[in-house]
Amino acid sequence: MICSNTAKSDIQKGNTMKHIFIINPKAGKGSNIDRLYDMADKLRSRHGLDVMCILTQSRGHATAITREFAEKG
């Protein structure tokens, strides 16, 4: 996970940042989805981060998800 200085200062001020994992379930060798969910749970519990995992469903879905979150801010 990459955290810029701006993001760190926002966290220190009490502003929470949402961490979104967009996962292609067809990519890679075998299914690592459970491992990714476990990682997200650890980030949530150990560091108090707002974490969300979203599985892509089709070609271009990751782009649509990213665009939707970017427009919302």
Protein backbone atom coordinates (compact mmCIF):
# COMPACT_ATOMS: atom_id res chain seq x y z
CA MET A 1 0.00 0.00 0.00
CA ILE A 2 1.33 3.43 -0.90
CA CYS A 3 0.58 6.38 1.37
CA SER A 4 1.59 9.89 0.37
CA ASN A 5 2.50 12.62 2.84
CA THR A 6 -0.87 14.26 2.20
CA ALA A 7 -2.70 11.04 3.01
CA LYS A 8 -0.68 10.59 6.21
CA SER A 9 -1.50 14.11 7.35
CA ASP A 10 -5.19 13.55 6.58
CA ILE A 11 -5.16 10.42 8.73
CA GLN A 12 -3.40 12.28 11.55
CA LYS A 13 -6.10 14.96 11.41
CA GLY A 14 -8.78 12.28 11.83
CA ASN A 15 -9.93 12.21 8.20
CA THR A 16 -10.38 8.60 7.15
CA MET A 17 -9.48 7.37 3.72
CA LYS A 18 -11.26 4.49 2.02
CA HIS A 19 -9.01 1.74 0.68
CA ILE A 20 -10.62 -0.11 -2.21
CA PHE A 21 -9.23 -3.33 -3.63
CA ILE A 22 -10.57 -4.04 -7.11
CA ILE A 23 -9.95 -7.71 -7.74
CA ASN A 24 -10.08 -9.65 -10.98
CA PRO A 25 -11.07 -13.17 -9.82
CA LYS A 26 -9.92 -14.69 -13.13
CA ALA A 27 -6.35 -13.34 -12.89
CA GLY A 28 -3.39 -15.20 -11.46
CA LYS A 29 -2.79 -18.83 -10.62
CA GLY A 30 -5.62 -20.39 -8.70
CA SER A 31 -7.89 -18.51 -6.36
CA ASN A 32 -6.21 -15.98 -4.09
CA ILE A 33 -9.46 -14.22 -3.28
CA ASP A 34 -9.65 -15.64 0.25
CA ARG A 35 -6.09 -14.49 0.88
CA LEU A 36 -6.97 -10.98 -0.31
CA TYR A 37 -10.06 -10.89 1.91
CA ASP A 38 -7.91 -12.00 4.87
CA MET A 39 -5.41 -9.23 4.10
CA ALA A 40 -8.23 -6.67 3.97
CA ASP A 41 -9.59 -7.91 7.31
CA LYS A 42 -6.14 -7.59 8.89
CA LEU A 43 -5.76 -4.03 7.60
CA ARG A 44 -9.19 -3.21 9.00
CA SER A 45 -8.63 -4.77 12.42
CA ARG A 46 -4.94 -3.96 13.00
CA HIS A 47 -4.88 -0.45 11.59
CA GLY A 48 -8.52 0.65 11.72
CA LEU A 49 -8.60 1.27 7.97
CA ASP A 50 -11.79 1.56 5.96
CA VAL A 51 -11.27 -1.31 3.49
CA MET A 52 -13.56 -2.58 0.73
CA CYS A 53 -13.02 -5.45 -1.73
CA ILE A 54 -14.86 -5.48 -5.05
CA LEU A 55 -14.68 -8.35 -7.53
CA THR A 56 -14.80 -7.46 -11.20
CA GLN A 57 -17.48 -9.18 -13.25
CA SER A 58 -16.53 -8.45 -16.84
CA ARG A 59 -14.06 -6.75 -19.17
CA GLY A 60 -13.95 -3.01 -18.39
CA HIS A 61 -15.68 -3.42 -15.03
CA ALA A 62 -12.60 -2.28 -13.07
CA THR A 63 -12.51 0.92 -15.12
CA ALA A 64 -16.20 1.56 -14.47
CA ILE A 65 -15.75 0.95 -10.72
CA THR A 66 -12.75 3.28 -10.58
CA ARG A 67 -14.56 5.99 -12.52
CA GLU A 68 -17.61 5.75 -10.23
CA PHE A 69 -15.51 6.14 -7.06
CA ALA A 70 -13.46 8.98 -8.60
CA GLU A 71 -16.62 10.90 -9.48
CA LYS A 72 -18.02 10.45 -5.97
CA GLY A 73 -14.80 11.78 -4.45
